[in-house]
Amino acid sequence: MRRLVAPTDFDRVYDIYMHESVVPFLGFDPMTREAFGKVFDPLFESGCFYVYEVDGEVMGFYKAQRHVGRAAHVAYLGTLAVAPEAQGRGIAMGMMQDALARLQRAGITRVELTVEADNPRAITFYERLGFVHEGTQRAAYKRASDTGYVDELMYGLLHDG
């Protein structure tokens, strides 16, 4: 079940976000629970950050933000992660199918996301959902733990309008 994030979700979101298998592929380097407020608060305040529950427990999350103006038919999906202990159980697929269906019902005909070039599991997953690689942002960012820069791949999914 999808719902908007609540302040009481802070600890669970932190635990998933900062897990060693998740944090390399999200936007911030590892940090303390106390420092994570600078990440969590803007997500909460955005009004478009969702948690995905299974049997009453948060097992994943994502941000779905609709563009404005001429691009109002487009939404960007980001900050997407599934709890490591839930991986391989179809939860990510269920969460994404639900998110995409909701976006389509809201009139979204194009969904965009980015994925790190060194995350083959996510690339395969998004392509299985129908996303198409549309470009590469070369040397888009650098993790504190890496010596080099990481490319960011841009993906898009079109729905019939």
Protein backbone atom coordinates (compact mmCIF):
# COMPACT_ATOMS: atom_id res chain seq x y z
CA MET A 1 0.00 0.00 0.00
CA ARG A 2 1.29 3.43 -0.95
CA ARG A 3 0.89 6.47 1.29
CA LEU A 4 2.52 9.83 1.81
CA VAL A 5 5.49 9.73 4.15
CA ALA A 6 4.87 10.79 7.75
CA PRO A 7 7.36 12.12 10.31
CA THR A 8 7.03 8.80 12.17
CA ASP A 9 8.60 7.08 9.12
CA PHE A 10 11.91 8.88 9.64
CA ASP A 11 13.78 5.96 11.27
CA ARG A 12 12.62 3.34 8.76
CA VAL A 13 13.37 5.59 5.78
CA TYR A 14 16.81 6.31 7.25
CA ASP A 15 17.51 2.60 7.79
CA ILE A 16 16.66 1.76 4.18
CA TYR A 17 18.31 4.84 2.65
CA MET A 18 21.58 4.42 4.55
CA HIS A 19 21.88 0.65 4.10
CA GLU A 20 25.23 -0.15 2.50
CA SER A 21 23.58 -1.72 -0.55
CA VAL A 22 21.20 1.23 -1.10
CA VAL A 23 23.06 4.45 -0.24
CA PRO A 24 25.54 4.31 -3.15
CA PHE A 25 22.62 4.70 -5.56
CA LEU A 26 20.79 7.58 -3.88
CA GLY A 27 21.77 11.23 -3.77
CA PHE A 28 23.72 11.52 -0.53
CA ASP A 29 26.73 9.87 1.04
CA PRO A 30 26.36 7.96 4.31
CA MET A 31 25.52 10.19 7.27
CA THR A 32 24.39 9.95 10.85
CA ARG A 33 20.74 9.62 11.79
CA GLU A 34 20.89 13.13 13.24
CA ALA A 35 22.23 14.62 10.00
CA PHE A 36 19.61 12.79 7.88
CA GLY A 37 17.02 15.45 8.71
CA LYS A 38 18.50 17.60 5.94
CA VAL A 39 17.51 14.83 3.49
CA PHE A 40 14.23 13.69 5.05
CA ASP A 41 12.67 17.07 5.80
CA PRO A 42 12.62 18.34 2.19
CA LEU A 43 11.26 14.98 1.03
CA PHE A 44 8.47 15.16 3.61
CA GLU A 45 7.73 18.80 2.82
CA SER A 46 7.56 18.13 -0.93
CA GLY A 47 4.19 16.42 -0.57
CA CYS A 48 5.18 13.92 -3.25
CA PHE A 49 7.36 11.45 -1.32
CA TYR A 50 5.66 8.12 -0.74
CA VAL A 51 6.36 5.04 1.31
CA TYR A 52 5.21 1.61 0.20
CA GLU A 53 4.02 -0.73 2.92
CA VAL A 54 3.69 -4.49 2.93
CA ASP A 55 1.82 -6.01 5.86
CA GLY A 56 1.99 -2.66 7.67
CA GLU A 57 5.76 -2.27 7.38
CA VAL A 58 7.53 0.26 5.15
CA MET A 59 9.41 -1.75 2.54
CA GLY A 60 10.21 0.95 0.02
CA PHE A 61 9.82 4.56 -1.00
CA TYR A 62 9.91 6.92 -3.95
CA LYS A 63 9.32 10.51 -4.94
CA ALA A 64 6.96 11.22 -7.86
CA GLN A 65 6.98 14.86 -8.85
CA ARG A 66 4.88 16.24 -11.67
CA HIS A 67 6.39 18.94 -13.86
CA VAL A 68 4.55 22.21 -14.45
CA GLY A 69 3.64 24.34 -17.46
CA ARG A 70 4.22 22.81 -20.87
CA ALA A 71 5.66 19.70 -19.24
CA ALA A 72 2.66 19.08 -16.96
CA HIS A 73 2.15 15.71 -18.67
CA VAL A 74 5.56 14.57 -17.31
CA ALA A 75 6.51 13.23 -13.89
CA TYR A 76 9.95 12.48 -12.49
CA LEU A 77 10.45 9.40 -10.33
CA GLY A 78 13.38 9.51 -7.95
CA THR A 79 14.69 8.64 -4.51
CA LEU A 80 13.45 5.13 -5.20
CA ALA A 81 14.57 2.27 -2.98
CA VAL A 82 13.37 -1.02 -1.54
CA ALA A 83 14.47 -2.45 1.80
CA PRO A 84 17.37 -4.84 1.22
CA GLU A 85 15.62 -7.64 3.09
CA ALA A 86 12.65 -7.29 0.71
CA GLN A 87 14.63 -7.45 -2.52
CA GLY A 88 13.85 -10.36 -4.79
CA ARG A 89 10.28 -10.70 -3.48
CA GLY A 90 8.51 -8.66 -6.16
CA ILE A 91 8.00 -5.66 -3.90
CA ALA A 92 9.87 -3.23 -6.17
CA MET A 93 7.84 -4.42 -9.15
CA GLY A 94 4.57 -4.01 -7.24
CA MET A 95 5.58 -0.57 -5.99
CA MET A 96 6.58 0.61 -9.48
CA GLN A 97 3.52 -0.82 -11.21
CA ASP A 98 1.32 0.91 -8.64
CA ALA A 99 3.21 4.20 -9.03
CA LEU A 100 3.06 4.08 -12.83
CA ALA A 101 -0.65 3.24 -12.85
CA ARG A 102 -1.40 6.12 -10.47
CA LEU A 103 0.61 8.53 -12.59
CA GLN A 104 -1.15 7.41 -15.75
CA ARG A 105 -4.57 7.84 -14.11
CA ALA A 106 -3.48 11.37 -13.13
CA GLY A 107 -2.87 12.20 -16.80
CA ILE A 108 0.88 11.64 -16.87
CA THR A 109 1.95 10.38 -20.29
CA ARG A 110 5.73 10.55 -19.77
CA VAL A 111 7.70 9.32 -16.76
CA GLU A 112 11.37 10.16 -16.36
CA LEU A 113 14.02 8.79 -14.04
CA THR A 114 17.77 8.61 -13.76
CA VAL A 115 19.90 5.65 -12.77
CA GLU A 116 23.60 5.31 -12.09
CA ALA A 117 25.59 3.66 -14.88
CA ASP A 118 27.18 1.34 -12.30
CA ASN A 119 23.82 -0.04 -11.13
CA PRO A 120 23.10 -2.86 -13.63
CA ARG A 121 20.39 -4.41 -11.46
CA ALA A 122 18.34 -1.20 -11.52
CA ILE A 123 18.97 -0.68 -15.24
CA THR A 124 17.64 -4.17 -16.02
CA PHE A 125 14.65 -3.58 -13.73
CA TYR A 126 13.66 -0.27 -15.35
CA GLU A 127 14.10 -1.65 -18.85
CA ARG A 128 11.86 -4.60 -17.92
CA LEU A 129 9.19 -2.02 -17.00
CA GLY A 130 9.50 -0.45 -20.46
CA PHE A 131 11.80 2.49 -19.71
CA VAL A 132 14.11 3.45 -22.57
CA HIS A 133 17.63 4.87 -22.22
CA GLU A 134 17.47 8.40 -23.63
CA GLY A 135 20.83 9.86 -22.74
CA THR A 136 23.83 9.98 -20.46
CA GLN A 137 24.99 12.70 -18.14
CA ARG A 138 28.72 12.05 -18.14
CA ALA A 139 30.57 12.35 -14.82
CA ALA A 140 27.33 13.51 -13.18
CA TYR A 141 28.43 13.08 -9.58
CA LYS A 142 31.05 11.65 -7.27
CA ARG A 143 30.56 9.52 -4.21
CA ALA A 144 32.84 10.33 -1.29
CA SER A 145 34.05 6.72 -1.33
CA ASP A 146 34.94 6.69 -5.05
CA THR A 147 38.03 7.96 -6.82
CA GLY A 148 36.21 8.71 -10.07
CA TYR A 149 32.95 10.18 -11.25
CA VAL A 150 29.78 8.25 -12.06
CA ASP A 151 27.65 8.68 -15.17
CA GLU A 152 23.91 9.14 -14.73
CA LEU A 153 21.66 7.50 -17.31
CA MET A 154 18.41 9.20 -18.26
CA TYR A 155 15.42 6.97 -18.89
CA GLY A 156 11.92 7.70 -20.10
CA LEU A 157 8.64 5.81 -20.38
CA LEU A 158 5.83 6.97 -22.64
CA HIS A 159 2.16 6.11 -22.12
CA ASP A 160 -0.42 6.65 -24.79
CA GLY A 161 -2.13 9.94 -23.99
